[in-house]
Amino acid sequence: MLCCMPGVAFVPALLVSWSSAAFIISYVIAVLAGHVEPLVPYISDTGTKPPESGVFGFMINITALLAVITMYIRYLLIEKQNESSHFVRSSCNMFTLCIGWMGCTGMGIVATFQELAVPSVHDIGALVAFGSGVVYITLQSIISYKSCPRWNSYFMCHIRMAISVISCIAFIPMIVFASKVSMTKIDWTPGEKDYTYHFMSAICEWTVAFGFIFFFLTYIRDFQRFSLRISTEIHED
């Protein structure tokens, strides 16, 4: 079904489906193995112990790669549209791409360094991934408004901005509540110390994560009218 999509719409579609599967599969394995409680664990908690750690690391690294490709195609699409419309500076488009790629690097760090193995590195990677991701989708929402009405409908821009605002709102308490958790563990149970902070932070984390997923889902329509051509030139001496 992905291959039947026009243009390069299959790229964000694959990113959305793969990343959703990464979160859900890791969560299901971790819960069935008894490693985490079913009620809103941290995303990283579902990828800390084997066997789910291997699945989580592999799938999140692929997710980061797909995100890099999707962001680059989005960059090229804006550059092409900007040739005739001039709605955004090329430097701003490049800056947005770099911010997005920073978030992808953070995802790779999260996938590689498990939460209990190297907590400080893992936390830095998570902060970079979520922080850069929120900035990226916010900048893309602003760029979308600037491209209206020729390249985007205002309805789609409103959806993107709504996702960005919700993600930004959730990101701040996620950091605040997480900073109040005084211990690093994955087997949380209701009633114990810092559980409320953990629970609220985890809810915000899942909100931001699926905010990213829904945001990339909005790329599919734009990518349908964009195709990449590879040209090969042969020079004779």
Protein backbone atom coordinates (compact mmCIF):
# COMPACT_ATOMS: atom_id res chain seq x y z
CA MET A 1 0.00 0.00 0.00
CA LEU A 2 2.88 2.37 0.78
CA CYS A 3 4.41 1.76 -2.65
CA CYS A 4 1.13 2.80 -4.35
CA MET A 5 1.26 6.30 -2.85
CA PRO A 6 2.01 9.06 -5.37
CA GLY A 7 5.20 11.09 -5.15
CA VAL A 8 7.24 10.36 -2.03
CA ALA A 9 4.26 10.21 0.34
CA PHE A 10 5.33 6.70 1.34
CA VAL A 11 8.30 8.15 3.27
CA PRO A 12 6.37 9.99 6.02
CA ALA A 13 3.75 7.21 5.97
CA LEU A 14 6.48 4.66 6.66
CA LEU A 15 7.94 6.89 9.38
CA VAL A 16 4.58 7.21 11.12
CA SER A 17 3.73 3.51 10.93
CA TRP A 18 7.24 2.35 11.92
CA SER A 19 7.60 4.73 14.86
CA SER A 20 4.13 3.86 16.16
CA ALA A 21 4.98 0.17 15.93
CA ALA A 22 8.28 0.79 17.75
CA PHE A 23 6.51 2.32 20.74
CA ILE A 24 3.64 -0.16 20.82
CA ILE A 25 5.64 -3.36 20.30
CA SER A 26 8.22 -2.45 22.94
CA TYR A 27 5.44 -1.51 25.36
CA VAL A 28 3.56 -4.79 24.83
CA ILE A 29 6.70 -6.93 25.26
CA ALA A 30 7.77 -5.05 28.39
CA VAL A 31 4.32 -5.35 29.98
CA LEU A 32 3.94 -9.05 29.12
CA ALA A 33 7.43 -9.74 30.52
CA GLY A 34 6.46 -7.99 33.74
CA HIS A 35 9.25 -5.42 33.47
CA VAL A 36 6.95 -2.37 33.64
CA GLU A 37 3.50 -1.60 34.96
CA PRO A 38 0.85 -1.22 32.23
CA LEU A 39 -0.23 2.23 33.47
CA VAL A 40 1.80 4.85 31.55
CA PRO A 41 5.48 3.91 31.94
CA TYR A 42 8.18 6.13 30.46
CA ILE A 43 8.80 5.31 26.81
CA SER A 44 12.40 4.48 27.68
CA ASP A 45 11.19 2.12 30.44
CA THR A 46 9.72 -0.11 27.75
CA GLY A 47 13.11 -0.53 26.09
CA THR A 48 15.47 -1.04 29.00
CA LYS A 49 15.55 -4.77 29.71
CA PRO A 50 15.92 -7.63 27.21
CA PRO A 51 14.23 -8.80 25.07
CA GLU A 52 12.39 -5.51 24.51
CA SER A 53 15.62 -3.51 24.71
CA GLY A 54 16.88 -5.06 21.47
CA VAL A 55 13.59 -4.42 19.68
CA PHE A 56 13.42 -0.86 21.02
CA GLY A 57 17.01 0.01 20.10
CA PHE A 58 16.71 -1.40 16.58
CA MET A 59 13.35 0.15 15.77
CA ILE A 60 14.11 3.58 17.25
CA ASN A 61 17.37 3.79 15.31
CA ILE A 62 15.46 3.02 12.11
CA THR A 63 12.89 5.64 13.15
CA ALA A 64 15.66 8.22 13.53
CA LEU A 65 16.97 7.37 10.04
CA LEU A 66 13.50 7.64 8.50
CA ALA A 67 13.02 10.98 10.27
CA VAL A 68 16.31 12.26 8.82
CA ILE A 69 15.16 11.30 5.31
CA THR A 70 11.69 12.78 5.81
CA MET A 71 13.07 16.07 7.13
CA TYR A 72 15.52 16.35 4.25
CA ILE A 73 12.78 15.77 1.67
CA ARG A 74 10.69 18.39 3.44
CA TYR A 75 13.66 20.76 3.22
CA LEU A 76 14.00 20.11 -0.53
CA LEU A 77 10.27 20.57 -1.03
CA ILE A 78 10.30 23.97 0.66
CA GLU A 79 13.36 25.02 -1.33
CA LYS A 80 11.61 24.09 -4.57
CA GLN A 81 8.40 25.89 -3.62
CA ASN A 82 10.42 28.89 -2.48
CA GLU A 83 11.93 29.35 -5.95
CA SER A 84 8.67 30.84 -7.21
CA SER A 85 6.98 32.07 -4.04
CA HIS A 86 9.86 33.36 -1.87
CA PHE A 87 7.90 32.88 1.35
CA VAL A 88 10.83 31.95 3.62
CA ARG A 89 14.56 32.54 3.74
CA SER A 90 16.70 29.62 2.65
CA SER A 91 18.82 30.05 5.79
CA CYS A 92 15.71 29.65 7.94
CA ASN A 93 14.80 26.48 6.09
CA MET A 94 18.32 25.11 6.61
CA PHE A 95 18.27 26.08 10.30
CA THR A 96 14.98 24.20 10.76
CA LEU A 97 16.47 21.13 9.09
CA CYS A 98 19.53 21.23 11.38
CA ILE A 99 17.30 21.49 14.45
CA GLY A 100 15.33 18.48 13.25
CA TRP A 101 18.48 16.47 12.65
CA MET A 102 19.65 17.32 16.16
CA GLY A 103 16.48 15.69 17.43
CA CYS A 104 17.20 12.60 15.31
CA THR A 105 20.68 12.41 16.85
CA GLY A 106 19.08 12.55 20.28
CA MET A 107 16.82 9.65 19.30
CA GLY A 108 19.86 7.63 18.30
CA ILE A 109 21.46 8.31 21.67
CA VAL A 110 18.28 7.24 23.49
CA ALA A 111 18.13 4.01 21.48
CA THR A 112 21.82 3.20 22.00
CA PHE A 113 22.31 4.08 25.67
CA GLN A 114 19.67 2.38 27.82
CA GLU A 115 18.09 4.21 30.74
CA LEU A 116 19.63 2.06 33.49
CA ALA A 117 22.98 1.45 31.78
CA VAL A 118 24.11 5.05 31.23
CA PRO A 119 21.41 7.29 32.77
CA SER A 120 23.13 10.65 32.25
CA VAL A 121 23.84 10.08 28.54
CA HIS A 122 20.37 8.65 28.03
CA ASP A 123 18.73 11.66 29.69
CA ILE A 124 20.77 14.11 27.60
CA GLY A 125 19.74 12.26 24.44
CA ALA A 126 16.09 12.35 25.47
CA LEU A 127 16.26 16.07 26.25
CA VAL A 128 17.85 16.81 22.87
CA ALA A 129 15.35 14.60 21.04
CA PHE A 130 12.24 16.07 22.62
CA GLY A 131 13.50 19.65 22.85
CA SER A 132 14.75 19.81 19.27
CA GLY A 133 11.64 17.99 18.06
CA VAL A 134 9.32 20.55 19.63
CA VAL A 135 11.32 23.43 18.12
CA TYR A 136 11.35 21.72 14.72
CA ILE A 137 7.59 21.19 14.45
CA THR A 138 6.95 24.72 15.72
CA LEU A 139 9.22 26.22 13.05
CA GLN A 140 7.64 24.02 10.39
CA SER A 141 4.20 25.20 11.48
CA ILE A 142 5.30 28.82 11.07
CA ILE A 143 6.78 28.06 7.64
CA SER A 144 3.50 26.39 6.65
CA TYR A 145 1.59 29.56 7.45
CA LYS A 146 4.02 31.60 5.37
CA SER A 147 3.42 29.31 2.39
CA CYS A 148 -0.36 29.83 2.49
CA PRO A 149 -2.51 29.80 0.48
CA ARG A 150 -0.52 28.59 -2.52
CA TRP A 151 1.22 25.58 -1.00
CA ASN A 152 -0.84 24.83 2.12
CA SER A 153 -4.42 25.25 3.24
CA TYR A 154 -5.09 27.24 6.38
CA PHE A 155 -6.90 24.21 7.79
CA MET A 156 -3.72 22.12 7.56
CA CYS A 157 -1.69 24.96 9.07
CA HIS A 158 -4.10 25.18 11.99
CA ILE A 159 -3.74 21.44 12.60
CA ARG A 160 0.05 21.64 12.57
CA MET A 161 0.11 24.62 14.89
CA ALA A 162 -2.35 22.93 17.26
CA ILE A 163 -0.09 19.86 17.44
CA SER A 164 2.92 22.12 18.03
CA VAL A 165 1.19 24.04 20.83
CA ILE A 166 0.04 20.86 22.57
CA SER A 167 3.54 19.39 22.29
CA CYS A 168 5.12 22.56 23.68
CA ILE A 169 2.65 22.67 26.57
CA ALA A 170 3.33 19.00 27.39
CA PHE A 171 7.12 19.35 27.04
CA ILE A 172 7.50 21.86 29.87
CA PRO A 173 5.75 19.86 32.64
CA MET A 174 7.46 16.73 31.34
CA ILE A 175 10.82 18.26 32.21
CA VAL A 176 9.60 19.81 35.47
CA PHE A 177 8.04 16.63 36.83
CA ALA A 178 10.94 14.46 35.64
CA SER A 179 13.40 16.72 37.50
CA LYS A 180 11.51 16.03 40.73
CA VAL A 181 11.91 12.25 40.43
CA SER A 182 14.75 11.39 42.81
CA MET A 183 15.49 7.85 41.59
CA THR A 184 16.12 6.03 38.32
CA LYS A 185 14.00 2.88 38.05
CA ILE A 186 11.47 1.28 35.73
CA ASP A 187 9.30 -0.86 38.02
CA TRP A 188 7.07 1.88 39.39
CA THR A 189 4.01 1.06 41.50
CA PRO A 190 1.27 3.47 42.65
CA GLY A 191 1.74 4.92 46.11
CA GLU A 192 5.52 4.84 46.32
CA LYS A 193 7.72 7.92 46.61
CA ASP A 194 7.82 10.19 43.53
CA TYR A 195 5.25 8.03 41.71
CA THR A 196 2.98 11.03 41.04
CA TYR A 197 5.86 12.98 39.47
CA HIS A 198 6.81 9.95 37.38
CA PHE A 199 3.21 9.39 36.28
CA MET A 200 2.60 13.00 35.23
CA SER A 201 5.94 13.22 33.45
CA ALA A 202 5.25 9.97 31.58
CA ILE A 203 1.84 11.20 30.40
CA CYS A 204 3.46 14.36 29.03
CA GLU A 205 6.23 12.31 27.38
CA TRP A 206 3.76 10.10 25.51
CA THR A 207 1.80 13.21 24.51
CA VAL A 208 4.88 14.85 22.98
CA ALA A 209 6.00 11.62 21.27
CA PHE A 210 2.65 11.03 19.57
CA GLY A 211 2.47 14.74 18.80
CA PHE A 212 5.55 14.21 16.62
CA ILE A 213 3.90 11.20 14.97
CA PHE A 214 0.69 13.08 14.15
CA PHE A 215 2.71 16.05 12.88
CA PHE A 216 4.63 13.92 10.36
CA LEU A 217 1.32 12.40 9.34
CA THR A 218 0.37 15.83 7.96
CA TYR A 219 3.35 15.67 5.58
CA ILE A 220 1.80 12.88 3.52
CA ARG A 221 -0.44 15.14 1.43
CA ASP A 222 2.42 17.57 0.68
CA PHE A 223 4.75 14.76 -0.30
CA GLN A 224 2.23 13.34 -2.77
CA ARG A 225 2.98 16.12 -5.24
CA PHE A 226 6.75 15.92 -4.93
CA SER A 227 9.03 13.37 -6.56
CA LEU A 228 12.78 12.89 -6.53
CA ARG A 229 14.69 12.29 -9.75
CA ILE A 230 18.20 10.90 -9.87
CA SER A 231 20.12 12.01 -12.94
CA THR A 232 23.35 10.44 -14.11
CA GLU A 233 25.69 12.41 -16.34
CA ILE A 234 28.48 10.79 -18.31
CA HIS A 235 31.33 13.04 -19.34
CA GLU A 236 33.64 12.06 -22.17
CA ASP A 237 37.23 13.21 -22.14
